[in-house]
Amino acid sequence: MTIWQTLADFFGADRYEQHALCLTNDPVMVWPYIVSGLAIGISYMTISTILLLARRRGLQPQPVAFVLFAAFILLCGLTHLTGVLTLFYGVYRLDVLVHVATASVSAFTAYYTLKSALDGLV
């Protein structure tokens, strides 16, 4: 057994089915779920890194950034709520729809944050 398998089993991989199995009867939803999850994760890391670096340089967010951050945070919270709903009611299509919306807003927010930081305007 590899170290990765041992680690995965420690976190329950040996006791639970993969989440993707729930989506196998609707494969069109698998790719949006994967892509949106990756986009959200990359956006979180990009935005937080840029904000930390910008803060060190004394840059302040522009008003539009507050709207984007608020939309991003609101949708991220909604993804967690639909995740709980999906756990009990299996509303996978709603969950994927919210993930795609969150990914769209988060990617745009990350792009805007990066562009603003490069322009020195954050």
PDB file of N, CA and C in Angstrom:
ATOM      1  N   MET A   1       0.852  -1.183   0.000  1.00  0.00           N
ATOM      2  CA  MET A   1       0.000   0.000   0.000  1.00  0.00           C
ATOM      3  C   MET A   1       0.896   1.245   0.000  1.00  0.00           C
ATOM      4  N   THR A   2       0.571   2.211  -0.865  1.00  0.00           N
ATOM      5  CA  THR A   2       1.372   3.430  -0.962  1.00  0.00           C
ATOM      6  C   THR A   2       1.030   4.379   0.172  1.00  0.00           C
ATOM      7  N   ILE A   3       1.885   5.349   0.366  1.00  0.00           N
ATOM      8  CA  ILE A   3       1.638   6.367   1.395  1.00  0.00           C
ATOM      9  C   ILE A   3       0.366   7.155   1.085  1.00  0.00           C
ATOM     10  N   TRP A   4       0.108   7.382  -0.220  1.00  0.00           N
ATOM     11  CA  TRP A   4      -1.091   8.136  -0.620  1.00  0.00           C
ATOM     12  C   TRP A   4      -2.364   7.359  -0.300  1.00  0.00           C
ATOM     13  N   GLN A   5      -2.346   6.051  -0.549  1.00  0.00           N
ATOM     14  CA  GLN A   5      -3.504   5.223  -0.239  1.00  0.00           C
ATOM     15  C   GLN A   5      -3.729   5.144   1.268  1.00  0.00           C
ATOM     16  N   THR A   6      -2.645   5.023   2.016  1.00  0.00           N
ATOM     17  CA  THR A   6      -2.740   5.000   3.478  1.00  0.00           C
ATOM     18  C   THR A   6      -3.345   6.300   3.987  1.00  0.00           C
ATOM     19  N   LEU A   7      -2.893   7.423   3.437  1.00  0.00           N
ATOM     20  CA  LEU A   7      -3.421   8.727   3.835  1.00  0.00           C
ATOM     21  C   LEU A   7      -4.895   8.863   3.451  1.00  0.00           C
ATOM     22  N   ALA A   8      -5.236   8.423   2.231  1.00  0.00           N
ATOM     23  CA  ALA A   8      -6.635   8.484   1.790  1.00  0.00           C
ATOM     24  C   ALA A   8      -7.518   7.615   2.674  1.00  0.00           C
ATOM     25  N   ASP A   9      -7.039   6.435   3.023  1.00  0.00           N
ATOM     26  CA  ASP A   9      -7.809   5.545   3.899  1.00  0.00           C
ATOM     27  C   ASP A   9      -7.984   6.156   5.290  1.00  0.00           C
ATOM     28  N   PHE A  10      -6.976   6.866   5.764  1.00  0.00           N
ATOM     29  CA  PHE A  10      -7.077   7.534   7.063  1.00  0.00           C
ATOM     30  C   PHE A  10      -8.242   8.521   7.070  1.00  0.00           C
ATOM     31  N   PHE A  11      -8.461   9.169   5.909  1.00  0.00           N
ATOM     32  CA  PHE A  11      -9.549  10.127   5.793  1.00  0.00           C
ATOM     33  C   PHE A  11     -10.849   9.506   5.297  1.00  0.00           C
ATOM     34  N   GLY A  12     -10.949   8.190   5.271  1.00  0.00           N
ATOM     35  CA  GLY A  12     -12.210   7.526   5.004  1.00  0.00           C
ATOM     36  C   GLY A  12     -12.383   6.899   3.639  1.00  0.00           C
ATOM     37  N   ALA A  13     -11.366   6.936   2.780  1.00  0.00           N
ATOM     38  CA  ALA A  13     -11.517   6.402   1.422  1.00  0.00           C
ATOM     39  C   ALA A  13     -11.851   4.919   1.417  1.00  0.00           C
ATOM     40  N   ASP A  14     -11.435   4.211   2.433  1.00  0.00           N
ATOM     41  CA  ASP A  14     -11.705   2.772   2.472  1.00  0.00           C
ATOM     42  C   ASP A  14     -13.124   2.465   2.960  1.00  0.00           C
ATOM     43  N   ARG A  15     -13.836   3.461   3.479  1.00  0.00           N
ATOM     44  CA  ARG A  15     -15.175   3.241   4.028  1.00  0.00           C
ATOM     45  C   ARG A  15     -16.304   3.842   3.195  1.00  0.00           C
ATOM     46  N   TYR A  16     -15.986   4.814   2.345  1.00  0.00           N
ATOM     47  CA  TYR A  16     -17.020   5.536   1.610  1.00  0.00           C
ATOM     48  C   TYR A  16     -16.827   5.420   0.107  1.00  0.00           C
ATOM     49  N   GLU A  17     -17.909   5.585  -0.620  1.00  0.00           N
ATOM     50  CA  GLU A  17     -17.860   5.600  -2.086  1.00  0.00           C
ATOM     51  C   GLU A  17     -17.428   6.994  -2.543  1.00  0.00           C
ATOM     52  N   GLN A  18     -16.830   7.061  -3.726  1.00  0.00           N
ATOM     53  CA  GLN A  18     -16.446   8.357  -4.291  1.00  0.00           C
ATOM     54  C   GLN A  18     -17.703   9.145  -4.629  1.00  0.00           C
ATOM     55  N   HIS A  19     -17.619  10.441  -4.431  1.00  0.00           N
ATOM     56  CA  HIS A  19     -18.736  11.329  -4.725  1.00  0.00           C
ATOM     57  C   HIS A  19     -19.115  11.251  -6.203  1.00  0.00           C
ATOM     58  N   ALA A  20     -18.151  11.000  -7.060  1.00  0.00           N
ATOM     59  CA  ALA A  20     -18.405  10.933  -8.501  1.00  0.00           C
ATOM     60  C   ALA A  20     -19.364   9.806  -8.866  1.00  0.00           C
ATOM     61  N   LEU A  21     -19.446   8.768  -8.045  1.00  0.00           N
ATOM     62  CA  LEU A  21     -20.367   7.669  -8.338  1.00  0.00           C
ATOM     63  C   LEU A  21     -21.818   8.139  -8.362  1.00  0.00           C
ATOM     64  N   CYS A  22     -22.112   9.155  -7.562  1.00  0.00           N
ATOM     65  CA  CYS A  22     -23.478   9.691  -7.541  1.00  0.00           C
ATOM     66  C   CYS A  22     -23.818  10.394  -8.849  1.00  0.00           C
ATOM     67  N   LEU A  23     -22.813  10.839  -9.557  1.00  0.00           N
ATOM     68  CA  LEU A  23     -23.033  11.590 -10.791  1.00  0.00           C
ATOM     69  C   LEU A  23     -22.885  10.743 -12.053  1.00  0.00           C
ATOM     70  N   THR A  24     -22.569   9.463 -11.909  1.00  0.00           N
ATOM     71  CA  THR A  24     -22.311   8.638 -13.093  1.00  0.00           C
ATOM     72  C   THR A  24     -23.540   8.446 -13.972  1.00  0.00           C
ATOM     73  N   ASN A  25     -24.729   8.566 -13.413  1.00  0.00           N
ATOM     74  CA  ASN A  25     -25.915   8.423 -14.252  1.00  0.00           C
ATOM     75  C   ASN A  25     -26.244   9.720 -15.000  1.00  0.00           C
ATOM     76  N   ASP A  26     -25.484  10.769 -14.757  1.00  0.00           N
ATOM     77  CA  ASP A  26     -25.651  12.044 -15.443  1.00  0.00           C
ATOM     78  C   ASP A  26     -24.257  12.614 -15.745  1.00  0.00           C
ATOM     79  N   PRO A  27     -23.516  11.966 -16.662  1.00  0.00           N
ATOM     80  CA  PRO A  27     -22.114  12.338 -16.900  1.00  0.00           C
ATOM     81  C   PRO A  27     -21.906  13.755 -17.405  1.00  0.00           C
ATOM     82  N   VAL A  28     -22.947  14.374 -17.952  1.00  0.00           N
ATOM     83  CA  VAL A  28     -22.820  15.757 -18.405  1.00  0.00           C
ATOM     84  C   VAL A  28     -22.515  16.676 -17.222  1.00  0.00           C
ATOM     85  N   MET A  29     -22.924  16.285 -16.033  1.00  0.00           N
ATOM     86  CA  MET A  29     -22.690  17.110 -14.847  1.00  0.00           C
ATOM     87  C   MET A  29     -21.297  16.927 -14.261  1.00  0.00           C
ATOM     88  N   VAL A  30     -20.616  15.849 -14.567  1.00  0.00           N
ATOM     89  CA  VAL A  30     -19.321  15.582 -13.955  1.00  0.00           C
ATOM     90  C   VAL A  30     -18.303  16.649 -14.337  1.00  0.00           C
ATOM     91  N   TRP A  31     -18.193  16.974 -15.626  1.00  0.00           N
ATOM     92  CA  TRP A  31     -17.189  17.941 -16.061  1.00  0.00           C
ATOM     93  C   TRP A  31     -17.429  19.339 -15.518  1.00  0.00           C
ATOM     94  N   PRO A  32     -18.656  19.873 -15.550  1.00  0.00           N
ATOM     95  CA  PRO A  32     -18.852  21.194 -14.932  1.00  0.00           C
ATOM     96  C   PRO A  32     -18.508  21.184 -13.436  1.00  0.00           C
ATOM     97  N   TYR A  33     -18.798  20.085 -12.777  1.00  0.00           N
ATOM     98  CA  TYR A  33     -18.497  19.977 -11.347  1.00  0.00           C
ATOM     99  C   TYR A  33     -16.984  20.013 -11.115  1.00  0.00           C
ATOM    100  N   ILE A  34     -16.241  19.252 -11.923  1.00  0.00           N
ATOM    101  CA  ILE A  34     -14.779  19.202 -11.786  1.00  0.00           C
ATOM    102  C   ILE A  34     -14.159  20.548 -12.139  1.00  0.00           C
ATOM    103  N   VAL A  35     -14.539  21.094 -13.295  1.00  0.00           N
ATOM    104  CA  VAL A  35     -13.952  22.355 -13.744  1.00  0.00           C
ATOM    105  C   VAL A  35     -14.296  23.491 -12.783  1.00  0.00           C
ATOM    106  N   SER A  36     -15.539  23.548 -12.334  1.00  0.00           N
ATOM    107  CA  SER A  36     -15.920  24.627 -11.418  1.00  0.00           C
ATOM    108  C   SER A  36     -15.196  24.489 -10.087  1.00  0.00           C
ATOM    109  N   GLY A  37     -15.035  23.274  -9.599  1.00  0.00           N
ATOM    110  CA  GLY A  37     -14.303  23.074  -8.350  1.00  0.00           C
ATOM    111  C   GLY A  37     -12.862  23.526  -8.457  1.00  0.00           C
ATOM    112  N   LEU A  38     -12.225  23.187  -9.571  1.00  0.00           N
ATOM    113  CA  LEU A  38     -10.845  23.624  -9.785  1.00  0.00           C
ATOM    114  C   LEU A  38     -10.763  25.147  -9.917  1.00  0.00           C
ATOM    115  N   ALA A  39     -11.697  25.742 -10.647  1.00  0.00           N
ATOM    116  CA  ALA A  39     -11.701  27.199 -10.830  1.00  0.00           C
ATOM    117  C   ALA A  39     -11.901  27.918  -9.508  1.00  0.00           C
ATOM    118  N   ILE A  40     -12.802  27.421  -8.684  1.00  0.00           N
ATOM    119  CA  ILE A  40     -13.047  28.043  -7.384  1.00  0.00           C
ATOM    120  C   ILE A  40     -11.795  27.942  -6.513  1.00  0.00           C
ATOM    121  N   GLY A  41     -11.186  26.774  -6.471  1.00  0.00           N
ATOM    122  CA  GLY A  41      -9.985  26.591  -5.658  1.00  0.00           C
ATOM    123  C   GLY A  41      -8.835  27.474  -6.107  1.00  0.00           C
ATOM    124  N   ILE A  42      -8.596  27.522  -7.411  1.00  0.00           N
ATOM    125  CA  ILE A  42      -7.521  28.359  -7.937  1.00  0.00           C
ATOM    126  C   ILE A  42      -7.815  29.835  -7.680  1.00  0.00           C
ATOM    127  N   SER A  43      -9.079  30.220  -7.813  1.00  0.00           N
ATOM    128  CA  SER A  43      -9.459  31.614  -7.562  1.00  0.00           C
ATOM    129  C   SER A  43      -9.233  31.991  -6.110  1.00  0.00           C
ATOM    130  N   TYR A  44      -9.627  31.129  -5.191  1.00  0.00           N
ATOM    131  CA  TYR A  44      -9.387  31.391  -3.770  1.00  0.00           C
ATOM    132  C   TYR A  44      -7.901  31.647  -3.520  1.00  0.00           C
ATOM    133  N   MET A  45      -7.056  30.786  -4.039  1.00  0.00           N
ATOM    134  CA  MET A  45      -5.617  30.921  -3.814  1.00  0.00           C
ATOM    135  C   MET A  45      -5.067  32.175  -4.483  1.00  0.00           C
ATOM    136  N   THR A  46      -5.531  32.477  -5.685  1.00  0.00           N
ATOM    137  CA  THR A  46      -5.063  33.667  -6.402  1.00  0.00           C
ATOM    138  C   THR A  46      -5.471  34.940  -5.676  1.00  0.00           C
ATOM    139  N   ILE A  47      -6.752  35.033  -5.333  1.00  0.00           N
ATOM    140  CA  ILE A  47      -7.256  36.247  -4.680  1.00  0.00           C
ATOM    141  C   ILE A  47      -6.568  36.473  -3.347  1.00  0.00           C
ATOM    142  N   SER A  48      -6.474  35.441  -2.525  1.00  0.00           N
ATOM    143  CA  SER A  48      -5.870  35.635  -1.199  1.00  0.00           C
ATOM    144  C   SER A  48      -4.394  35.999  -1.304  1.00  0.00           C
ATOM    145  N   THR A  49      -3.668  35.388  -2.217  1.00  0.00           N
ATOM    146  CA  THR A  49      -2.247  35.711  -2.396  1.00  0.00           C
ATOM    147  C   THR A  49      -2.071  37.151  -2.853  1.00  0.00           C
ATOM    148  N   ILE A  50      -2.873  37.555  -3.831  1.00  0.00           N
ATOM    149  CA  ILE A  50      -2.768  38.923  -4.345  1.00  0.00           C
ATOM    150  C   ILE A  50      -3.129  39.936  -3.262  1.00  0.00           C
ATOM    151  N   LEU A  51      -4.177  39.664  -2.500  1.00  0.00           N
ATOM    152  CA  LEU A  51      -4.566  40.603  -1.447  1.00  0.00           C
ATOM    153  C   LEU A  51      -3.480  40.734  -0.382  1.00  0.00           C
ATOM    154  N   LEU A  52      -2.858  39.632  -0.023  1.00  0.00           N
ATOM    155  CA  LEU A  52      -1.763  39.692   0.949  1.00  0.00           C
ATOM    156  C   LEU A  52      -0.592  40.513   0.408  1.00  0.00           C
ATOM    157  N   LEU A  53      -0.240  40.276  -0.842  1.00  0.00           N
ATOM    158  CA  LEU A  53       0.865  41.030  -1.443  1.00  0.00           C
ATOM    159  C   LEU A  53       0.511  42.505  -1.618  1.00  0.00           C
ATOM    160  N   ALA A  54      -0.719  42.782  -2.034  1.00  0.00           N
ATOM    161  CA  ALA A  54      -1.154  44.160  -2.253  1.00  0.00           C
ATOM    162  C   ALA A  54      -1.196  44.930  -0.934  1.00  0.00           C
ATOM    163  N   ARG A  55      -1.613  44.256   0.101  1.00  0.00           N
ATOM    164  CA  ARG A  55      -1.679  44.904   1.415  1.00  0.00           C
ATOM    165  C   ARG A  55      -0.294  45.335   1.876  1.00  0.00           C
ATOM    166  N   ARG A  56       0.704  44.503   1.589  1.00  0.00           N
ATOM    167  CA  ARG A  56       2.084  44.843   1.952  1.00  0.00           C
ATOM    168  C   ARG A  56       2.557  46.092   1.220  1.00  0.00           C
ATOM    169  N   ARG A  57       2.050  46.277   0.013  1.00  0.00           N
ATOM    170  CA  ARG A  57       2.434  47.444  -0.785  1.00  0.00           C
ATOM    171  C   ARG A  57       1.567  48.657  -0.468  1.00  0.00           C
ATOM    172  N   GLY A  58       0.598  48.493   0.417  1.00  0.00           N
ATOM    173  CA  GLY A  58      -0.257  49.603   0.810  1.00  0.00           C
ATOM    174  C   GLY A  58      -1.348  49.937  -0.182  1.00  0.00           C
ATOM    175  N   LEU A  59      -1.657  49.017  -1.096  1.00  0.00           N
ATOM    176  CA  LEU A  59      -2.709  49.271  -2.075  1.00  0.00           C
ATOM    177  C   LEU A  59      -4.081  49.010  -1.460  1.00  0.00           C
ATOM    178  N   GLN A  60      -5.049  49.795  -1.866  1.00  0.00           N
ATOM    179  CA  GLN A  60      -6.409  49.663  -1.345  1.00  0.00           C
ATOM    180  C   GLN A  60      -7.351  49.190  -2.454  1.00  0.00           C
ATOM    181  N   PRO A  61      -8.339  48.354  -2.099  1.00  0.00           N
ATOM    182  CA  PRO A  61      -9.300  47.889  -3.112  1.00  0.00           C
ATOM    183  C   PRO A  61     -10.157  49.028  -3.656  1.00  0.00           C
ATOM    184  N   GLN A  62     -10.471  48.951  -4.932  1.00  0.00           N
ATOM    185  CA  GLN A  62     -11.390  49.883  -5.567  1.00  0.00           C
ATOM    186  C   GLN A  62     -12.824  49.479  -5.202  1.00  0.00           C
ATOM    187  N   PRO A  63     -13.791  50.399  -5.290  1.00  0.00           N
ATOM    188  CA  PRO A  63     -15.183  50.069  -4.933  1.00  0.00           C
ATOM    189  C   PRO A  63     -15.748  48.857  -5.670  1.00  0.00           C
ATOM    190  N   VAL A  64     -15.414  48.687  -6.947  1.00  0.00           N
ATOM    191  CA  VAL A  64     -15.947  47.543  -7.689  1.00  0.00           C
ATOM    192  C   VAL A  64     -15.423  46.236  -7.101  1.00  0.00           C
ATOM    193  N   ALA A  65     -14.238  46.275  -6.514  1.00  0.00           N
ATOM    194  CA  ALA A  65     -13.674  45.068  -5.909  1.00  0.00           C
ATOM    195  C   ALA A  65     -14.538  44.598  -4.747  1.00  0.00           C
ATOM    196  N   PHE A  66     -15.088  45.524  -3.985  1.00  0.00           N
ATOM    197  CA  PHE A  66     -15.945  45.143  -2.864  1.00  0.00           C
ATOM    198  C   PHE A  66     -17.195  44.405  -3.346  1.00  0.00           C
ATOM    199  N   VAL A  67     -17.754  44.855  -4.459  1.00  0.00           N
ATOM    200  CA  VAL A  67     -18.933  44.192  -5.028  1.00  0.00           C
ATOM    201  C   VAL A  67     -18.562  42.781  -5.498  1.00  0.00           C
ATOM    202  N   LEU A  68     -17.428  42.664  -6.188  1.00  0.00           N
ATOM    203  CA  LEU A  68     -16.987  41.348  -6.648  1.00  0.00           C
ATOM    204  C   LEU A  68     -16.691  40.415  -5.481  1.00  0.00           C
ATOM    205  N   PHE A  69     -16.000  40.916  -4.468  1.00  0.00           N
ATOM    206  CA  PHE A  69     -15.687  40.086  -3.309  1.00  0.00           C
ATOM    207  C   PHE A  69     -16.964  39.649  -2.597  1.00  0.00           C
ATOM    208  N   ALA A  70     -17.928  40.566  -2.478  1.00  0.00           N
ATOM    209  CA  ALA A  70     -19.196  40.226  -1.824  1.00  0.00           C
ATOM    210  C   ALA A  70     -19.937  39.144  -2.605  1.00  0.00           C
ATOM    211  N   ALA A  71     -19.983  39.273  -3.928  1.00  0.00           N
ATOM    212  CA  ALA A  71     -20.662  38.265  -4.761  1.00  0.00           C
ATOM    213  C   ALA A  71     -19.948  36.923  -4.651  1.00  0.00           C
ATOM    214  N   PHE A  72     -18.628  36.954  -4.686  1.00  0.00           N
ATOM    215  CA  PHE A  72     -17.828  35.734  -4.578  1.00  0.00           C
ATOM    216  C   PHE A  72     -18.070  35.047  -3.238  1.00  0.00           C
ATOM    217  N   ILE A  73     -18.025  35.807  -2.162  1.00  0.00           N
ATOM    218  CA  ILE A  73     -18.220  35.228  -0.827  1.00  0.00           C
ATOM    219  C   ILE A  73     -19.647  34.705  -0.668  1.00  0.00           C
ATOM    220  N   LEU A  74     -20.629  35.456  -1.161  1.00  0.00           N
ATOM    221  CA  LEU A  74     -22.026  35.014  -1.094  1.00  0.00           C
ATOM    222  C   LEU A  74     -22.223  33.690  -1.825  1.00  0.00           C
ATOM    223  N   LEU A  75     -21.694  33.598  -3.038  1.00  0.00           N
ATOM    224  CA  LEU A  75     -21.841  32.366  -3.812  1.00  0.00           C
ATOM    225  C   LEU A  75     -21.058  31.213  -3.188  1.00  0.00           C
ATOM    226  N   CYS A  76     -19.903  31.500  -2.613  1.00  0.00           N
ATOM    227  CA  CYS A  76     -19.153  30.435  -1.934  1.00  0.00           C
ATOM    228  C   CYS A  76     -19.960  29.884  -0.762  1.00  0.00           C
ATOM    229  N   GLY A  77     -20.595  30.768  -0.021  1.00  0.00           N
ATOM    230  CA  GLY A  77     -21.470  30.315   1.063  1.00  0.00           C
ATOM    231  C   GLY A  77     -22.623  29.478   0.533  1.00  0.00           C
ATOM    232  N   LEU A  78     -23.165  29.884  -0.605  1.00  0.00           N
ATOM    233  CA  LEU A  78     -24.261  29.140  -1.216  1.00  0.00           C
ATOM    234  C   LEU A  78     -23.814  27.745  -1.651  1.00  0.00           C
ATOM    235  N   THR A  79     -22.566  27.607  -2.114  1.00  0.00           N
ATOM    236  CA  THR A  79     -22.075  26.278  -2.490  1.00  0.00           C
ATOM    237  C   THR A  79     -22.034  25.353  -1.281  1.00  0.00           C
ATOM    238  N   HIS A  80     -21.703  25.902  -0.137  1.00  0.00           N
ATOM    239  CA  HIS A  80     -21.693  25.077   1.078  1.00  0.00           C
ATOM    240  C   HIS A  80     -23.114  24.669   1.470  1.00  0.00           C
ATOM    241  N   LEU A  81     -24.055  25.585   1.328  1.00  0.00           N
ATOM    242  CA  LEU A  81     -25.452  25.260   1.651  1.00  0.00           C
ATOM    243  C   LEU A  81     -26.021  24.212   0.707  1.00  0.00           C
ATOM    244  N   THR A  82     -25.744  24.354  -0.602  1.00  0.00           N
ATOM    245  CA  THR A  82     -26.245  23.342  -1.531  1.00  0.00           C
ATOM    246  C   THR A  82     -25.533  22.004  -1.326  1.00  0.00           C
ATOM    247  N   GLY A  83     -24.289  22.055  -0.838  1.00  0.00           N
ATOM    248  CA  GLY A  83     -23.584  20.819  -0.505  1.00  0.00           C
ATOM    249  C   GLY A  83     -24.291  20.051   0.596  1.00  0.00           C
ATOM    250  N   VAL A  84     -24.778  20.777   1.594  1.00  0.00           N
ATOM    251  CA  VAL A  84     -25.527  20.137   2.675  1.00  0.00           C
ATOM    252  C   VAL A  84     -26.862  19.614   2.158  1.00  0.00           C
ATOM    253  N   LEU A  85     -27.544  20.409   1.354  1.00  0.00           N
ATOM    254  CA  LEU A  85     -28.807  19.944   0.768  1.00  0.00           C
ATOM    255  C   LEU A  85     -28.595  18.683  -0.062  1.00  0.00           C
ATOM    256  N   THR A  86     -27.522  18.666  -0.828  1.00  0.00           N
ATOM    257  CA  THR A  86     -27.219  17.513  -1.683  1.00  0.00           C
ATOM    258  C   THR A  86     -26.955  16.270  -0.845  1.00  0.00           C
ATOM    259  N   LEU A  87     -26.325  16.463   0.279  1.00  0.00           N
ATOM    260  CA  LEU A  87     -26.042  15.338   1.165  1.00  0.00           C
ATOM    261  C   LEU A  87     -27.323  14.624   1.585  1.00  0.00           C
ATOM    262  N   PHE A  88     -28.376  15.380   1.833  1.00  0.00           N
ATOM    263  CA  PHE A  88     -29.622  14.785   2.319  1.00  0.00           C
ATOM    264  C   PHE A  88     -30.688  14.577   1.253  1.00  0.00           C
ATOM    265  N   TYR A  89     -30.693  15.430   0.220  1.00  0.00           N
ATOM    266  CA  TYR A  89     -31.769  15.361  -0.770  1.00  0.00           C
ATOM    267  C   TYR A  89     -31.291  15.021  -2.176  1.00  0.00           C
ATOM    268  N   GLY A  90     -30.006  14.955  -2.396  1.00  0.00           N
ATOM    269  CA  GLY A  90     -29.495  14.567  -3.715  1.00  0.00           C
ATOM    270  C   GLY A  90     -29.793  15.551  -4.829  1.00  0.00           C
ATOM    271  N   VAL A  91     -29.799  16.849  -4.527  1.00  0.00           N
ATOM    272  CA  VAL A  91     -30.082  17.865  -5.547  1.00  0.00           C
ATOM    273  C   VAL A  91     -28.792  18.226  -6.291  1.00  0.00           C
ATOM    274  N   TYR A  92     -28.231  17.231  -6.969  1.00  0.00           N
ATOM    275  CA  TYR A  92     -26.944  17.395  -7.640  1.00  0.00           C
ATOM    276  C   TYR A  92     -26.974  18.461  -8.727  1.00  0.00           C
ATOM    277  N   ARG A  93     -28.069  18.549  -9.465  1.00  0.00           N
ATOM    278  CA  ARG A  93     -28.137  19.552 -10.536  1.00  0.00           C
ATOM    279  C   ARG A  93     -28.112  20.961  -9.963  1.00  0.00           C
ATOM    280  N   LEU A  94     -28.807  21.194  -8.867  1.00  0.00           N
ATOM    281  CA  LEU A  94     -28.755  22.499  -8.206  1.00  0.00           C
ATOM    282  C   LEU A  94     -27.340  22.773  -7.712  1.00  0.00           C
ATOM    283  N   ASP A  95     -26.717  21.773  -7.110  1.00  0.00           N
ATOM    284  CA  ASP A  95     -25.362  21.922  -6.581  1.00  0.00           C
ATOM    285  C   ASP A  95     -24.380  22.268  -7.697  1.00  0.00           C
ATOM    286  N   VAL A  96     -24.463  21.581  -8.822  1.00  0.00           N
ATOM    287  CA  VAL A  96     -23.572  21.859  -9.949  1.00  0.00           C
ATOM    288  C   VAL A  96     -23.845  23.248 -10.514  1.00  0.00           C
ATOM    289  N   LEU A  97     -25.108  23.639 -10.619  1.00  0.00           N
ATOM    290  CA  LEU A  97     -25.455  24.964 -11.122  1.00  0.00           C
ATOM    291  C   LEU A  97     -24.849  26.057 -10.239  1.00  0.00           C
ATOM    292  N   VAL A  98     -24.967  25.900  -8.940  1.00  0.00           N
ATOM    293  CA  VAL A  98     -24.395  26.883  -8.015  1.00  0.00           C
ATOM    294  C   VAL A  98     -22.872  26.877  -8.103  1.00  0.00           C
ATOM    295  N   HIS A  99     -22.264  25.697  -8.258  1.00  0.00           N
ATOM    296  CA  HIS A  99     -20.812  25.625  -8.409  1.00  0.00           C
ATOM    297  C   HIS A  99     -20.352  26.361  -9.680  1.00  0.00           C
ATOM    298  N   VAL A 100     -21.061  26.190 -10.763  1.00  0.00           N
ATOM    299  CA  VAL A 100     -20.696  26.862 -12.015  1.00  0.00           C
ATOM    300  C   VAL A 100     -20.839  28.377 -11.855  1.00  0.00           C
ATOM    301  N   ALA A 101     -21.902  28.835 -11.219  1.00  0.00           N
ATOM    302  CA  ALA A 101     -22.073  30.276 -10.978  1.00  0.00           C
ATOM    303  C   ALA A 101     -20.949  30.805 -10.095  1.00  0.00           C
ATOM    304  N   THR A 102     -20.621  30.067  -9.050  1.00  0.00           N
ATOM    305  CA  THR A 102     -19.544  30.479  -8.156  1.00  0.00           C
ATOM    306  C   THR A 102     -18.213  30.510  -8.889  1.00  0.00           C
ATOM    307  N   ALA A 103     -17.968  29.515  -9.723  1.00  0.00           N
ATOM    308  CA  ALA A 103     -16.718  29.477 -10.485  1.00  0.00           C
ATOM    309  C   ALA A 103     -16.621  30.664 -11.428  1.00  0.00           C
ATOM    310  N   SER A 104     -17.712  31.011 -12.061  1.00  0.00           N
ATOM    311  CA  SER A 104     -17.710  32.141 -12.992  1.00  0.00           C
ATOM    312  C   SER A 104     -17.366  33.446 -12.273  1.00  0.00           C
ATOM    313  N   VAL A 105     -18.049  33.696 -11.167  1.00  0.00           N
ATOM    314  CA  VAL A 105     -17.798  34.922 -10.406  1.00  0.00           C
ATOM    315  C   VAL A 105     -16.405  34.901  -9.786  1.00  0.00           C
ATOM    316  N   SER A 106     -15.990  33.756  -9.276  1.00  0.00           N
ATOM    317  CA  SER A 106     -14.684  33.694  -8.622  1.00  0.00           C
ATOM    318  C   SER A 106     -13.556  33.867  -9.641  1.00  0.00           C
ATOM    319  N   ALA A 107     -13.689  33.289 -10.816  1.00  0.00           N
ATOM    320  CA  ALA A 107     -12.656  33.451 -11.843  1.00  0.00           C
ATOM    321  C   ALA A 107     -12.577  34.908 -12.293  1.00  0.00           C
ATOM    322  N   PHE A 108     -13.730  35.547 -12.469  1.00  0.00           N
ATOM    323  CA  PHE A 108     -13.720  36.955 -12.854  1.00  0.00           C
ATOM    324  C   PHE A 108     -13.125  37.815 -11.750  1.00  0.00           C
ATOM    325  N   THR A 109     -13.463  37.510 -10.500  1.00  0.00           N
ATOM    326  CA  THR A 109     -12.913  38.252  -9.365  1.00  0.00           C
ATOM    327  C   THR A 109     -11.396  38.077  -9.287  1.00  0.00           C
ATOM    328  N   ALA A 110     -10.923  36.866  -9.488  1.00  0.00           N
ATOM    329  CA  ALA A 110      -9.475  36.613  -9.478  1.00  0.00           C
ATOM    330  C   ALA A 110      -8.799  37.381 -10.619  1.00  0.00           C
ATOM    331  N   TYR A 111      -9.405  37.346 -11.790  1.00  0.00           N
ATOM    332  CA  TYR A 111      -8.858  38.085 -12.932  1.00  0.00           C
ATOM    333  C   TYR A 111      -8.800  39.580 -12.626  1.00  0.00           C
ATOM    334  N   TYR A 112      -9.891  40.125 -12.124  1.00  0.00           N
ATOM    335  CA  TYR A 112      -9.943  41.557 -11.811  1.00  0.00           C
ATOM    336  C   TYR A 112      -8.915  41.911 -10.737  1.00  0.00           C
ATOM    337  N   THR A 113      -8.813  41.072  -9.723  1.00  0.00           N
ATOM    338  CA  THR A 113      -7.869  41.329  -8.633  1.00  0.00           C
ATOM    339  C   THR A 113      -6.435  41.304  -9.151  1.00  0.00           C
ATOM    340  N   LEU A 114      -6.120  40.318  -9.973  1.00  0.00           N
ATOM    341  CA  LEU A 114      -4.779  40.225 -10.547  1.00  0.00           C
ATOM    342  C   LEU A 114      -4.490  41.418 -11.457  1.00  0.00           C
ATOM    343  N   LYS A 115      -5.433  41.742 -12.330  1.00  0.00           N
ATOM    344  CA  LYS A 115      -5.250  42.879 -13.242  1.00  0.00           C
ATOM    345  C   LYS A 115      -5.072  44.166 -12.453  1.00  0.00           C
ATOM    346  N   SER A 116      -5.874  44.372 -11.432  1.00  0.00           N
ATOM    347  CA  SER A 116      -5.784  45.582 -10.623  1.00  0.00           C
ATOM    348  C   SER A 116      -4.460  45.656  -9.881  1.00  0.00           C
ATOM    349  N   ALA A 117      -4.019  44.530  -9.362  1.00  0.00           N
ATOM    350  CA  ALA A 117      -2.739  44.506  -8.640  1.00  0.00           C
ATOM    351  C   ALA A 117      -1.592  44.836  -9.585  1.00  0.00           C
ATOM    352  N   LEU A 118      -1.649  44.278 -10.787  1.00  0.00           N
ATOM    353  CA  LEU A 118      -0.599  44.561 -11.765  1.00  0.00           C
ATOM    354  C   LEU A 118      -0.614  46.031 -12.195  1.00  0.00           C
ATOM    355  N   ASP A 119      -1.811  46.616 -12.209  1.00  0.00           N
ATOM    356  CA  ASP A 119      -1.933  48.032 -12.551  1.00  0.00           C
ATOM    357  C   ASP A 119      -1.636  48.924 -11.342  1.00  0.00           C
ATOM    358  N   GLY A 120      -1.507  48.317 -10.147  1.00  0.00           N
ATOM    359  CA  GLY A 120      -1.248  49.079  -8.937  1.00  0.00           C
ATOM    360  C   GLY A 120      -2.473  49.727  -8.343  1.00  0.00           C
ATOM    361  N   LEU A 121      -3.657  49.205  -8.689  1.00  0.00           N
ATOM    362  CA  LEU A 121      -4.909  49.839  -8.255  1.00  0.00           C
ATOM    363  C   LEU A 121      -5.711  49.049  -7.233  1.00  0.00           C
ATOM    364  N   VAL A 122      -5.419  47.793  -7.066  1.00  0.00           N
ATOM    365  CA  VAL A 122      -6.252  46.898  -6.262  1.00  0.00           C
ATOM    366  C   VAL A 122      -7.237  47.709  -5.490  1.00  0.00           C
TER     367      VAL A 122
END
